[in-house]
Amino acid sequence: MSRFPIHVRLVIVPLMLLCAAGTIGCSMIESPSDVVERAGTALEKRDWPTYVSCFTPETHEAAARQSIQNSLMVEMGRDLATLGGPVVSKEVDAKAKPLYDLLAKHGISKERLSELAKMPNGAPKEQAISETVAAIPDKEAFMADMIAYGDQARSQGAPPPMNVAGEIKSVEVQGDRATVTTTATVNGRSFDTQVNLRRTAKGWKIDMAQMFGG
């Protein structure tokens, strides 16, 4: 049994819900268990580019879509804040600025977000969101940035240490699919979990697209 740092189900919080890696990325790894170990180590170190490099392109795309949908909630909240007067509106704008700066960095303007937020729910809006996701130049980098933003926003400053450890119990490979079963301990709490992977052109990658509805 190998011992390694790992996060429970490697789940990304939706508000991040987080590209050049500072260490060797997962693209060169062939073993499913190696990918899970590398992702867990990167997670504990909050090395988001390396962490995100361990996921499938479909996961990157699905996470990008979820991030935009969550950003629409922020945009609608900004609209509601205007009802509270200029002081309240200014405070909300200031809090939302880091998010809008991040979105702009990846080609999503405040005007585009406002346009999407004002659209009624339905197929046209879903298509518009899909087009916005498709236009993001580097979805992997976008996912890493969104995780970093969400991590910092939740902690309101320097994120607290993440005490993570775990053990791989089994690895099951069926063709281009694999399941790694682990026991993980996060801040003293233990969990059993399964990590699904898929073999891609760049090797084994963690596949969590379904978690985002992708």
N, C-alpha and C. Protein backbone atom coordinates (compact mmCIF):
# COMPACT_ATOMS: atom_id res chain seq x y z
N MET A 1 0.84 -1.19 0.00
CA MET A 1 0.00 0.00 0.00
C MET A 1 0.88 1.25 0.00
N SER A 2 0.60 2.19 -0.85
CA SER A 2 1.37 3.43 -0.84
C SER A 2 0.67 4.46 0.02
N ARG A 3 1.48 5.30 0.70
CA ARG A 3 0.95 6.36 1.54
C ARG A 3 1.10 7.66 0.79
N PHE A 4 0.10 8.54 0.82
CA PHE A 4 0.19 9.78 0.05
C PHE A 4 -0.86 10.77 0.49
N PRO A 5 -0.64 12.04 0.26
CA PRO A 5 -1.66 13.05 0.54
C PRO A 5 -2.77 12.97 -0.49
N ILE A 6 -4.00 13.09 -0.06
CA ILE A 6 -5.13 13.03 -1.01
C ILE A 6 -6.35 13.72 -0.40
N HIS A 7 -7.15 14.37 -1.20
CA HIS A 7 -8.36 15.05 -0.75
C HIS A 7 -9.55 14.13 -0.95
N VAL A 8 -10.53 14.27 -0.08
CA VAL A 8 -11.72 13.43 -0.18
C VAL A 8 -12.39 13.65 -1.53
N ARG A 9 -12.38 12.64 -2.36
CA ARG A 9 -13.00 12.64 -3.69
C ARG A 9 -12.44 13.70 -4.62
N LEU A 10 -11.40 14.38 -4.19
CA LEU A 10 -10.79 15.42 -5.01
C LEU A 10 -11.85 16.37 -5.54
N VAL A 11 -12.82 16.66 -4.70
CA VAL A 11 -13.94 17.50 -5.12
C VAL A 11 -13.56 18.96 -5.13
N ILE A 12 -13.96 19.68 -6.15
CA ILE A 12 -13.72 21.10 -6.28
C ILE A 12 -14.96 21.83 -5.85
N VAL A 13 -14.83 22.78 -4.95
CA VAL A 13 -15.98 23.55 -4.49
C VAL A 13 -16.51 24.36 -5.65
N PRO A 14 -17.89 24.37 -5.85
CA PRO A 14 -18.46 25.04 -7.03
C PRO A 14 -18.06 26.48 -7.22
N LEU A 15 -17.89 27.27 -6.15
CA LEU A 15 -17.51 28.67 -6.37
C LEU A 15 -16.16 28.79 -7.08
N MET A 16 -15.51 27.76 -6.93
CA MET A 16 -14.27 27.79 -7.64
C MET A 16 -14.57 27.75 -9.08
N LEU A 17 -15.57 26.29 -6.76
CA LEU A 17 -15.65 25.58 -7.39
C LEU A 17 -15.11 25.84 -7.48
N LEU A 18 -10.12 26.26 -9.47
CA LEU A 18 -9.14 26.44 -9.43
C LEU A 18 -9.19 25.15 -10.04
N CYS A 19 -0.97 28.35 -17.11
CA CYS A 19 -1.03 27.22 -16.21
C CYS A 19 0.26 26.39 -16.29
N ALA A 20 1.02 27.02 -16.15
CA ALA A 20 2.29 26.30 -16.20
C ALA A 20 2.64 25.81 -14.80
N ALA A 21 2.88 24.51 -14.69
CA ALA A 21 3.12 23.92 -13.36
C ALA A 21 4.56 24.17 -12.91
N GLY A 22 4.70 24.36 -11.61
CA GLY A 22 6.02 24.59 -11.07
C GLY A 22 6.82 23.29 -10.96
N THR A 23 6.11 22.14 -11.01
CA THR A 23 6.78 20.85 -10.99
C THR A 23 6.31 20.07 -12.19
N ILE A 24 6.79 18.85 -12.34
CA ILE A 24 6.37 18.02 -13.46
C ILE A 24 4.88 17.75 -13.34
N GLY A 25 4.13 18.02 -14.38
CA GLY A 25 2.68 17.83 -14.36
C GLY A 25 2.29 16.39 -14.54
N CYS A 26 0.98 16.15 -14.49
CA CYS A 26 0.48 14.77 -14.58
C CYS A 26 0.49 14.23 -16.00
N SER A 27 0.79 15.07 -17.00
CA SER A 27 0.69 14.61 -18.38
C SER A 27 1.68 13.49 -18.69
N MET A 28 2.76 13.36 -17.90
CA MET A 28 3.74 12.34 -18.17
C MET A 28 3.49 11.07 -17.36
N ILE A 29 2.42 11.04 -16.57
CA ILE A 29 2.17 9.90 -15.70
C ILE A 29 1.26 8.89 -16.39
N GLU A 30 1.62 7.62 -16.29
CA GLU A 30 0.83 6.58 -16.94
C GLU A 30 -0.08 5.83 -15.97
N SER A 31 0.38 5.64 -14.74
CA SER A 31 -0.37 4.84 -13.77
C SER A 31 -1.52 5.63 -13.16
N PRO A 32 -2.74 5.05 -13.10
CA PRO A 32 -3.86 5.74 -12.45
C PRO A 32 -3.55 6.12 -11.00
N SER A 33 -2.91 5.21 -10.26
CA SER A 33 -2.60 5.52 -8.86
C SER A 33 -1.59 6.65 -8.75
N ASP A 34 -0.65 6.73 -9.71
CA ASP A 34 0.32 7.82 -9.71
C ASP A 34 -0.37 9.17 -9.91
N VAL A 35 -1.39 9.19 -10.79
CA VAL A 35 -2.12 10.44 -11.05
C VAL A 35 -2.85 10.88 -9.78
N VAL A 36 -3.48 9.93 -9.10
CA VAL A 36 -4.22 10.26 -7.87
C VAL A 36 -3.25 10.76 -6.80
N GLU A 37 -2.10 10.10 -6.68
CA GLU A 37 -1.11 10.54 -5.70
C GLU A 37 -0.62 11.95 -6.02
N ARG A 38 -0.31 12.22 -7.27
CA ARG A 38 0.19 13.53 -7.67
C ARG A 38 -0.87 14.61 -7.41
N ALA A 39 -2.13 14.29 -7.73
CA ALA A 39 -3.21 15.26 -7.49
C ALA A 39 -3.37 15.54 -6.01
N GLY A 40 -3.28 14.49 -5.19
CA GLY A 40 -3.42 14.66 -3.76
C GLY A 40 -2.28 15.50 -3.18
N THR A 41 -1.06 15.26 -3.65
CA THR A 41 0.09 16.03 -3.19
C THR A 41 -0.05 17.49 -3.59
N ALA A 42 -0.48 17.71 -4.83
CA ALA A 42 -0.66 19.09 -5.32
C ALA A 42 -1.76 19.80 -4.54
N LEU A 43 -2.80 19.06 -4.19
CA LEU A 43 -3.90 19.65 -3.43
C LEU A 43 -3.43 20.12 -2.06
N GLU A 44 -2.68 19.27 -1.37
CA GLU A 44 -2.20 19.64 -0.04
C GLU A 44 -1.29 20.87 -0.10
N LYS A 45 -0.51 20.97 -1.18
CA LYS A 45 0.40 22.11 -1.35
C LYS A 45 -0.31 23.33 -1.93
N ARG A 46 -1.58 23.13 -2.31
CA ARG A 46 -2.35 24.18 -3.02
C ARG A 46 -1.63 24.59 -4.29
N ASP A 47 -1.05 23.61 -4.95
CA ASP A 47 -0.42 23.82 -6.26
C ASP A 47 -1.49 23.57 -7.31
N TRP A 48 -2.35 24.58 -7.52
CA TRP A 48 -3.53 24.39 -8.35
C TRP A 48 -3.24 24.07 -9.81
N PRO A 49 -2.21 24.66 -10.45
CA PRO A 49 -1.93 24.28 -11.84
C PRO A 49 -1.61 22.79 -11.99
N THR A 50 -0.77 22.27 -11.08
CA THR A 50 -0.44 20.85 -11.15
C THR A 50 -1.68 20.00 -10.83
N TYR A 51 -2.43 20.41 -9.85
CA TYR A 51 -3.66 19.69 -9.48
C TYR A 51 -4.61 19.60 -10.67
N VAL A 52 -4.86 20.72 -11.31
CA VAL A 52 -5.81 20.76 -12.42
C VAL A 52 -5.28 20.01 -13.64
N SER A 53 -3.96 19.94 -13.80
CA SER A 53 -3.39 19.22 -14.94
C SER A 53 -3.67 17.73 -14.87
N CYS A 54 -4.11 17.25 -13.70
CA CYS A 54 -4.40 15.82 -13.52
C CYS A 54 -5.82 15.45 -13.96
N PHE A 55 -6.60 16.41 -14.46
CA PHE A 55 -7.99 16.15 -14.85
C PHE A 55 -8.16 16.13 -16.37
N THR A 56 -9.23 15.49 -16.80
CA THR A 56 -9.52 15.41 -18.23
C THR A 56 -9.94 16.77 -18.79
N PRO A 57 -9.76 16.96 -20.10
CA PRO A 57 -10.24 18.20 -20.74
C PRO A 57 -11.74 18.40 -20.54
N GLU A 58 -12.50 17.30 -20.51
CA GLU A 58 -13.94 17.40 -20.29
C GLU A 58 -14.25 17.95 -18.89
N THR A 59 -13.41 17.59 -17.91
CA THR A 59 -13.57 18.13 -16.57
C THR A 59 -13.28 19.63 -16.56
N HIS A 60 -12.22 20.03 -17.27
CA HIS A 60 -11.89 21.45 -17.37
C HIS A 60 -13.07 22.24 -17.95
N GLU A 61 -13.66 21.69 -19.01
CA GLU A 61 -14.77 22.38 -19.66
C GLU A 61 -16.00 22.44 -18.77
N ALA A 62 -16.31 21.32 -18.12
CA ALA A 62 -17.48 21.29 -17.24
C ALA A 62 -17.30 22.22 -16.04
N ALA A 63 -16.08 22.28 -15.51
CA ALA A 63 -15.80 23.17 -14.39
C ALA A 63 -15.89 24.63 -14.82
N ALA A 64 -15.46 24.92 -16.05
CA ALA A 64 -15.55 26.29 -16.57
C ALA A 64 -17.01 26.72 -16.68
N ARG A 65 -17.84 25.81 -17.15
CA ARG A 65 -19.27 26.13 -17.26
C ARG A 65 -19.88 26.39 -15.89
N GLN A 66 -19.53 25.55 -14.91
CA GLN A 66 -20.05 25.73 -13.56
C GLN A 66 -19.57 27.06 -12.97
N SER A 67 -18.32 27.41 -13.25
CA SER A 67 -17.78 28.67 -12.74
C SER A 67 -18.52 29.87 -13.32
N ILE A 68 -18.84 29.80 -14.60
CA ILE A 68 -19.58 30.90 -15.22
C ILE A 68 -20.99 30.99 -14.64
N GLN A 69 -21.63 29.85 -14.44
CA GLN A 69 -22.97 29.87 -13.86
C GLN A 69 -22.95 30.46 -12.45
N ASN A 70 -21.93 30.12 -11.67
CA ASN A 70 -21.82 30.69 -10.34
C ASN A 70 -21.52 32.19 -10.40
N SER A 71 -20.75 32.60 -11.39
CA SER A 71 -20.44 34.02 -11.56
C SER A 71 -21.70 34.81 -11.94
N LEU A 72 -22.62 34.16 -12.62
CA LEU A 72 -23.89 34.81 -12.96
C LEU A 72 -24.68 35.12 -11.69
N MET A 73 -24.57 34.26 -10.69
CA MET A 73 -25.24 34.52 -9.41
C MET A 73 -24.65 35.77 -8.76
N VAL A 74 -23.33 35.93 -8.87
CA VAL A 74 -22.67 37.13 -8.32
C VAL A 74 -23.15 38.36 -9.07
N GLU A 75 -23.26 38.24 -10.39
CA GLU A 75 -23.71 39.38 -11.20
C GLU A 75 -25.14 39.77 -10.85
N MET A 76 -25.99 38.79 -10.65
CA MET A 76 -27.37 39.10 -10.26
C MET A 76 -27.43 39.72 -8.87
N GLY A 77 -26.52 39.31 -7.99
CA GLY A 77 -26.44 39.91 -6.67
C GLY A 77 -26.01 41.37 -6.74
N ARG A 78 -25.14 41.67 -7.68
CA ARG A 78 -24.72 43.05 -7.88
C ARG A 78 -25.90 43.92 -8.32
N ASP A 79 -26.72 43.37 -9.18
CA ASP A 79 -27.90 44.11 -9.64
C ASP A 79 -28.84 44.41 -8.48
N LEU A 80 -29.03 43.41 -7.62
CA LEU A 80 -29.91 43.60 -6.46
C LEU A 80 -29.32 44.62 -5.49
N ALA A 81 -28.00 44.67 -5.42
CA ALA A 81 -27.35 45.59 -4.48
C ALA A 81 -27.62 47.04 -4.83
N THR A 82 -27.91 47.32 -6.09
CA THR A 82 -28.19 48.70 -6.49
C THR A 82 -29.44 49.23 -5.79
N LEU A 83 -30.32 48.30 -5.38
CA LEU A 83 -31.54 48.72 -4.68
C LEU A 83 -31.22 49.26 -3.28
N GLY A 84 -30.05 48.89 -2.77
CA GLY A 84 -29.67 49.36 -1.45
C GLY A 84 -29.01 50.71 -1.44
N GLY A 85 -28.87 51.31 -2.63
CA GLY A 85 -28.27 52.63 -2.70
C GLY A 85 -26.82 52.57 -3.13
N PRO A 86 -26.22 53.72 -3.41
CA PRO A 86 -24.86 53.77 -3.95
C PRO A 86 -23.79 53.23 -3.01
N VAL A 87 -23.97 53.40 -1.71
CA VAL A 87 -22.96 52.92 -0.77
C VAL A 87 -22.89 51.40 -0.77
N VAL A 88 -24.06 50.76 -0.66
CA VAL A 88 -24.12 49.30 -0.69
C VAL A 88 -23.61 48.77 -2.02
N SER A 89 -24.03 49.41 -3.10
CA SER A 89 -23.62 48.98 -4.43
C SER A 89 -22.11 49.06 -4.60
N LYS A 90 -21.52 50.12 -4.08
CA LYS A 90 -20.07 50.29 -4.18
C LYS A 90 -19.33 49.21 -3.40
N GLU A 91 -19.85 48.85 -2.23
CA GLU A 91 -19.22 47.81 -1.41
C GLU A 91 -19.27 46.45 -2.11
N VAL A 92 -20.41 46.15 -2.70
CA VAL A 92 -20.57 44.88 -3.41
C VAL A 92 -19.66 44.84 -4.63
N ASP A 93 -19.56 45.95 -5.36
CA ASP A 93 -18.69 46.02 -6.53
C ASP A 93 -17.23 45.77 -6.13
N ALA A 94 -16.83 46.34 -4.99
CA ALA A 94 -15.45 46.18 -4.54
C ALA A 94 -15.14 44.72 -4.21
N LYS A 95 -16.10 44.04 -3.58
CA LYS A 95 -15.91 42.63 -3.24
C LYS A 95 -15.88 41.75 -4.48
N ALA A 96 -16.64 42.15 -5.51
CA ALA A 96 -16.73 41.33 -6.73
C ALA A 96 -15.58 41.61 -7.70
N LYS A 97 -14.83 42.68 -7.49
CA LYS A 97 -13.80 43.07 -8.45
C LYS A 97 -12.77 41.98 -8.73
N PRO A 98 -12.23 41.27 -7.71
CA PRO A 98 -11.26 40.21 -8.01
C PRO A 98 -11.81 39.15 -8.96
N LEU A 99 -13.09 38.81 -8.79
CA LEU A 99 -13.71 37.82 -9.66
C LEU A 99 -13.82 38.36 -11.08
N TYR A 100 -14.26 39.60 -11.23
CA TYR A 100 -14.40 40.18 -12.56
C TYR A 100 -13.05 40.35 -13.25
N ASP A 101 -12.02 40.66 -12.47
CA ASP A 101 -10.67 40.76 -13.04
C ASP A 101 -10.20 39.40 -13.54
N LEU A 102 -10.50 38.35 -12.77
CA LEU A 102 -10.12 36.99 -13.17
C LEU A 102 -10.85 36.58 -14.45
N LEU A 103 -12.14 36.86 -14.50
CA LEU A 103 -12.92 36.51 -15.69
C LEU A 103 -12.39 37.25 -16.92
N ALA A 104 -12.08 38.54 -16.74
CA ALA A 104 -11.57 39.34 -17.85
C ALA A 104 -10.23 38.80 -18.35
N LYS A 105 -9.41 38.31 -17.42
CA LYS A 105 -8.12 37.72 -17.79
C LYS A 105 -8.31 36.57 -18.76
N HIS A 106 -9.43 35.85 -18.62
CA HIS A 106 -9.70 34.69 -19.48
C HIS A 106 -10.71 35.00 -20.58
N GLY A 107 -10.90 36.28 -20.87
CA GLY A 107 -11.70 36.68 -22.03
C GLY A 107 -13.18 36.83 -21.78
N ILE A 108 -13.62 36.84 -20.53
CA ILE A 108 -15.05 36.99 -20.22
C ILE A 108 -15.26 38.39 -19.62
N SER A 109 -15.83 39.27 -20.39
CA SER A 109 -16.00 40.65 -19.96
C SER A 109 -17.18 40.81 -19.00
N LYS A 110 -17.16 41.89 -18.25
CA LYS A 110 -18.26 42.20 -17.36
C LYS A 110 -19.55 42.40 -18.15
N GLU A 111 -19.41 42.98 -19.35
CA GLU A 111 -20.57 43.20 -20.21
C GLU A 111 -21.18 41.87 -20.66
N ARG A 112 -20.31 40.91 -20.99
CA ARG A 112 -20.81 39.60 -21.40
C ARG A 112 -21.53 38.91 -20.25
N LEU A 113 -20.98 39.01 -19.05
CA LEU A 113 -21.60 38.39 -17.89
C LEU A 113 -22.96 39.03 -17.61
N SER A 114 -23.02 40.35 -17.72
CA SER A 114 -24.27 41.06 -17.49
C SER A 114 -25.32 40.65 -18.53
N GLU A 115 -24.87 40.48 -19.76
CA GLU A 115 -25.79 40.05 -20.84
C GLU A 115 -26.36 38.68 -20.55
N LEU A 116 -25.51 37.75 -20.09
CA LEU A 116 -25.97 36.40 -19.77
C LEU A 116 -26.93 36.41 -18.58
N ALA A 117 -26.62 37.22 -17.58
CA ALA A 117 -27.44 37.27 -16.37
C ALA A 117 -28.85 37.77 -16.66
N LYS A 118 -28.97 38.62 -17.65
CA LYS A 118 -30.28 39.20 -17.97
C LYS A 118 -31.13 38.31 -18.87
N MET A 119 -30.52 37.27 -19.43
CA MET A 119 -31.27 36.36 -20.30
C MET A 119 -32.19 35.46 -19.47
N PRO A 120 -33.41 35.20 -19.93
CA PRO A 120 -34.28 34.27 -19.21
C PRO A 120 -33.74 32.85 -19.33
N ASN A 121 -34.04 32.03 -18.32
CA ASN A 121 -33.60 30.64 -18.36
C ASN A 121 -34.24 29.93 -19.53
N GLY A 122 -33.47 29.05 -20.14
CA GLY A 122 -33.97 28.32 -21.29
C GLY A 122 -32.85 27.97 -22.24
N ALA A 123 -33.21 27.34 -23.35
CA ALA A 123 -32.21 26.86 -24.32
C ALA A 123 -31.32 27.97 -24.87
N PRO A 124 -31.87 29.14 -25.22
CA PRO A 124 -30.99 30.21 -25.75
C PRO A 124 -29.92 30.63 -24.75
N LYS A 125 -30.27 30.70 -23.48
CA LYS A 125 -29.29 31.08 -22.46
C LYS A 125 -28.23 30.00 -22.30
N GLU A 126 -28.67 28.74 -22.30
CA GLU A 126 -27.72 27.63 -22.18
C GLU A 126 -26.75 27.62 -23.35
N GLN A 127 -27.26 27.93 -24.54
CA GLN A 127 -26.41 27.99 -25.73
C GLN A 127 -25.42 29.13 -25.62
N ALA A 128 -25.87 30.26 -25.10
CA ALA A 128 -24.99 31.42 -24.93
C ALA A 128 -23.88 31.12 -23.92
N ILE A 129 -24.22 30.39 -22.86
CA ILE A 129 -23.20 30.01 -21.88
C ILE A 129 -22.20 29.05 -22.51
N SER A 130 -22.71 28.11 -23.33
CA SER A 130 -21.82 27.16 -24.01
C SER A 130 -20.85 27.88 -24.93
N GLU A 131 -21.33 28.89 -25.62
CA GLU A 131 -20.47 29.67 -26.52
C GLU A 131 -19.42 30.44 -25.74
N THR A 132 -19.81 30.93 -24.57
CA THR A 132 -18.87 31.65 -23.73
C THR A 132 -17.77 30.72 -23.22
N VAL A 133 -18.15 29.51 -22.83
CA VAL A 133 -17.17 28.52 -22.37
C VAL A 133 -16.23 28.15 -23.50
N ALA A 134 -16.79 27.93 -24.69
CA ALA A 134 -15.98 27.53 -25.83
C ALA A 134 -14.94 28.59 -26.20
N ALA A 135 -15.24 29.85 -25.91
CA ALA A 135 -14.34 30.95 -26.27
C ALA A 135 -13.19 31.14 -25.28
N ILE A 136 -13.23 30.45 -24.14
CA ILE A 136 -12.14 30.58 -23.16
C ILE A 136 -10.89 29.93 -23.77
N PRO A 137 -9.80 30.67 -23.92
CA PRO A 137 -8.62 30.14 -24.61
C PRO A 137 -7.98 28.93 -23.91
N ASP A 138 -7.87 28.98 -22.59
CA ASP A 138 -7.20 27.92 -21.83
C ASP A 138 -8.08 27.54 -20.64
N LYS A 139 -8.92 26.54 -20.85
CA LYS A 139 -9.86 26.15 -19.79
C LYS A 139 -9.15 25.53 -18.59
N GLU A 140 -8.02 24.89 -18.82
CA GLU A 140 -7.26 24.31 -17.71
C GLU A 140 -6.74 25.42 -16.79
N ALA A 141 -6.19 26.46 -17.38
CA ALA A 141 -5.69 27.58 -16.58
C ALA A 141 -6.84 28.32 -15.90
N PHE A 142 -7.96 28.41 -16.58
CA PHE A 142 -9.14 29.06 -16.00
C PHE A 142 -9.61 28.31 -14.77
N MET A 143 -9.65 26.98 -14.86
CA MET A 143 -10.08 26.16 -13.73
C MET A 143 -9.12 26.35 -12.55
N ALA A 144 -7.82 26.38 -12.82
CA ALA A 144 -6.83 26.56 -11.74
C ALA A 144 -7.00 27.92 -11.08
N ASP A 145 -7.21 28.95 -11.88
CA ASP A 145 -7.39 30.30 -11.32
C ASP A 145 -8.66 30.41 -10.50
N MET A 146 -9.73 29.76 -10.96
CA MET A 146 -10.99 29.82 -10.23
C MET A 146 -10.89 29.08 -8.89
N ILE A 147 -10.17 27.96 -8.87
CA ILE A 147 -9.98 27.25 -7.61
C ILE A 147 -9.19 28.12 -6.64
N ALA A 148 -8.12 28.75 -7.13
CA ALA A 148 -7.31 29.62 -6.28
C ALA A 148 -8.14 30.78 -5.74
N TYR A 149 -8.98 31.35 -6.61
CA TYR A 149 -9.84 32.46 -6.19
C TYR A 149 -10.82 31.99 -5.11
N GLY A 150 -11.47 30.85 -5.33
CA GLY A 150 -12.43 30.32 -4.36
C GLY A 150 -11.77 29.97 -3.05
N ASP A 151 -10.57 29.41 -3.10
CA ASP A 151 -9.84 29.03 -1.90
C ASP A 151 -9.53 30.26 -1.05
N GLN A 152 -9.09 31.33 -1.70
CA GLN A 152 -8.75 32.55 -0.98
C GLN A 152 -10.00 33.27 -0.48
N ALA A 153 -11.05 33.25 -1.30
CA ALA A 153 -12.29 33.92 -0.91
C ALA A 153 -12.91 33.26 0.31
N ARG A 154 -12.87 31.93 0.37
CA ARG A 154 -13.45 31.22 1.51
C ARG A 154 -12.70 31.50 2.80
N SER A 155 -11.37 31.66 2.70
CA SER A 155 -10.57 31.88 3.90
C SER A 155 -10.43 33.36 4.23
N GLN A 156 -10.86 34.23 3.29
CA GLN A 156 -10.77 35.68 3.47
C GLN A 156 -9.35 36.10 3.83
N GLY A 157 -8.40 35.60 3.07
CA GLY A 157 -7.00 35.92 3.31
C GLY A 157 -6.14 34.70 3.06
N ALA A 158 -5.11 34.51 3.88
CA ALA A 158 -4.24 33.36 3.72
C ALA A 158 -4.98 32.08 4.09
N PRO A 159 -5.09 31.11 3.16
CA PRO A 159 -5.81 29.86 3.47
C PRO A 159 -5.13 29.11 4.60
N PRO A 160 -5.91 28.48 5.48
CA PRO A 160 -5.33 27.71 6.59
C PRO A 160 -4.64 26.45 6.06
N PRO A 161 -3.71 25.88 6.82
CA PRO A 161 -3.04 24.65 6.39
C PRO A 161 -4.04 23.54 6.13
N MET A 162 -3.74 22.71 5.14
CA MET A 162 -4.61 21.58 4.82
C MET A 162 -3.87 20.30 5.21
N ASN A 163 -4.33 19.64 6.25
CA ASN A 163 -3.70 18.40 6.70
C ASN A 163 -4.40 17.21 6.05
N VAL A 164 -3.73 16.65 5.05
CA VAL A 164 -4.35 15.61 4.23
C VAL A 164 -3.41 14.40 4.15
N ALA A 165 -3.97 13.22 4.31
CA ALA A 165 -3.21 11.98 4.15
C ALA A 165 -4.15 10.90 3.66
N GLY A 166 -3.58 9.85 3.10
CA GLY A 166 -4.47 8.79 2.60
C GLY A 166 -3.71 7.55 2.18
N GLU A 167 -4.47 6.59 1.72
CA GLU A 167 -3.89 5.31 1.32
C GLU A 167 -4.70 4.72 0.19
N ILE A 168 -4.01 4.27 -0.86
CA ILE A 168 -4.69 3.60 -1.96
C ILE A 168 -4.99 2.15 -1.55
N LYS A 169 -6.25 1.79 -1.66
CA LYS A 169 -6.66 0.44 -1.27
C LYS A 169 -6.69 -0.51 -2.46
N SER A 170 -7.12 0.02 -3.62
CA SER A 170 -7.18 -0.84 -4.80
C SER A 170 -7.23 0.00 -6.07
N VAL A 171 -6.80 -0.62 -7.17
CA VAL A 171 -6.85 0.02 -8.49
C VAL A 171 -7.48 -0.97 -9.47
N GLU A 172 -8.55 -0.55 -10.10
CA GLU A 172 -9.26 -1.42 -11.04
C GLU A 172 -9.23 -0.77 -12.42
N VAL A 173 -8.67 -1.45 -13.41
CA VAL A 173 -8.56 -0.91 -14.77
C VAL A 173 -9.38 -1.77 -15.72
N GLN A 174 -10.24 -1.11 -16.48
CA GLN A 174 -11.03 -1.78 -17.51
C GLN A 174 -10.92 -0.97 -18.79
N GLY A 175 -10.04 -1.40 -19.67
CA GLY A 175 -9.83 -0.67 -20.93
C GLY A 175 -9.29 0.72 -20.68
N ASP A 176 -10.02 1.74 -21.14
CA ASP A 176 -9.59 3.12 -21.00
C ASP A 176 -10.17 3.78 -19.75
N ARG A 177 -10.76 2.97 -18.87
CA ARG A 177 -11.33 3.50 -17.63
C ARG A 177 -10.64 2.84 -16.44
N ALA A 178 -10.54 3.59 -15.35
CA ALA A 178 -9.94 3.05 -14.14
C ALA A 178 -10.63 3.65 -12.92
N THR A 179 -10.64 2.90 -11.84
CA THR A 179 -11.19 3.36 -10.57
C THR A 179 -10.16 3.11 -9.48
N VAL A 180 -9.79 4.16 -8.78
CA VAL A 180 -8.85 4.05 -7.67
C VAL A 180 -9.64 4.22 -6.38
N THR A 181 -9.64 3.21 -5.54
CA THR A 181 -10.34 3.27 -4.26
C THR A 181 -9.34 3.66 -3.18
N THR A 182 -9.70 4.65 -2.39
CA THR A 182 -8.79 5.17 -1.39
C THR A 182 -9.47 5.34 -0.04
N THR A 183 -8.63 5.42 0.99
CA THR A 183 -9.06 5.90 2.30
C THR A 183 -8.32 7.21 2.53
N ALA A 184 -9.05 8.27 2.79
CA ALA A 184 -8.43 9.58 2.96
C ALA A 184 -8.74 10.13 4.34
N THR A 185 -7.79 10.88 4.87
CA THR A 185 -7.98 11.57 6.14
C THR A 185 -7.71 13.05 5.93
N VAL A 186 -8.72 13.87 6.18
CA VAL A 186 -8.60 15.32 5.99
C VAL A 186 -8.87 16.00 7.32
N ASN A 187 -7.84 16.68 7.84
CA ASN A 187 -7.97 17.37 9.13
C ASN A 187 -8.54 16.44 10.21
N GLY A 188 -8.05 15.19 10.22
CA GLY A 188 -8.42 14.25 11.26
C GLY A 188 -9.66 13.42 10.97
N ARG A 189 -10.38 13.71 9.88
CA ARG A 189 -11.59 12.94 9.54
C ARG A 189 -11.29 11.99 8.39
N SER A 190 -11.68 10.73 8.54
CA SER A 190 -11.38 9.71 7.53
C SER A 190 -12.59 9.40 6.67
N PHE A 191 -12.33 9.11 5.40
CA PHE A 191 -13.38 8.80 4.44
C PHE A 191 -12.87 7.73 3.48
N ASP A 192 -13.79 6.91 2.99
CA ASP A 192 -13.50 6.01 1.87
C ASP A 192 -14.09 6.65 0.62
N THR A 193 -13.34 6.62 -0.47
CA THR A 193 -13.83 7.25 -1.69
C THR A 193 -13.27 6.57 -2.92
N GLN A 194 -13.92 6.79 -4.06
CA GLN A 194 -13.46 6.25 -5.33
C GLN A 194 -13.17 7.40 -6.28
N VAL A 195 -12.05 7.30 -6.98
CA VAL A 195 -11.66 8.31 -7.96
C VAL A 195 -11.71 7.66 -9.34
N ASN A 196 -12.51 8.22 -10.24
CA ASN A 196 -12.64 7.69 -11.60
C ASN A 196 -11.64 8.37 -12.53
N LEU A 197 -10.99 7.57 -13.36
CA LEU A 197 -10.02 8.10 -14.32
C LEU A 197 -10.31 7.58 -15.72
N ARG A 198 -9.81 8.31 -16.71
CA ARG A 198 -9.94 7.90 -18.11
C ARG A 198 -8.59 8.10 -18.80
N ARG A 199 -8.25 7.14 -19.66
CA ARG A 199 -7.00 7.25 -20.41
C ARG A 199 -7.21 8.21 -21.58
N THR A 200 -6.40 9.24 -21.67
CA THR A 200 -6.49 10.21 -22.76
C THR A 200 -5.23 10.15 -23.59
N ALA A 201 -5.13 11.02 -24.59
CA ALA A 201 -3.94 11.08 -25.43
C ALA A 201 -2.71 11.49 -24.62
N LYS A 202 -2.94 12.14 -23.47
CA LYS A 202 -1.84 12.58 -22.61
C LYS A 202 -1.70 11.71 -21.36
N GLY A 203 -2.28 10.53 -21.40
CA GLY A 203 -2.15 9.62 -20.27
C GLY A 203 -3.42 9.59 -19.42
N TRP A 204 -3.33 8.94 -18.25
CA TRP A 204 -4.48 8.85 -17.36
C TRP A 204 -4.79 10.20 -16.73
N LYS A 205 -6.09 10.51 -16.70
CA LYS A 205 -6.55 11.76 -16.10
C LYS A 205 -7.79 11.48 -15.24
N ILE A 206 -7.93 12.23 -14.16
CA ILE A 206 -9.11 12.12 -13.30
C ILE A 206 -10.31 12.71 -14.04
N ASP A 207 -11.40 11.97 -14.07
CA ASP A 207 -12.58 12.39 -14.81
C ASP A 207 -13.71 12.74 -13.84
N MET A 208 -13.99 14.04 -13.71
CA MET A 208 -15.05 14.49 -12.81
C MET A 208 -16.06 15.33 -13.56
N ALA A 209 -16.12 15.19 -14.88
CA ALA A 209 -17.05 16.00 -15.67
C ALA A 209 -18.48 15.80 -15.24
N GLN A 210 -18.84 14.56 -14.88
CA GLN A 210 -20.22 14.28 -14.49
C GLN A 210 -20.61 15.01 -13.21
N MET A 211 -19.63 15.28 -12.35
CA MET A 211 -19.93 15.98 -11.11
C MET A 211 -20.46 17.38 -11.39
N PHE A 212 -19.99 17.96 -12.50
CA PHE A 212 -20.43 19.29 -12.88
C PHE A 212 -21.60 19.26 -13.86
N GLY A 213 -22.08 18.06 -14.15
CA GLY A 213 -23.18 17.94 -15.10
C GLY A 213 -22.70 17.89 -16.54
N GLY A 214 -21.41 17.65 -16.73
CA GLY A 214 -20.84 17.63 -18.07
C GLY A 214 -20.95 16.27 -18.72
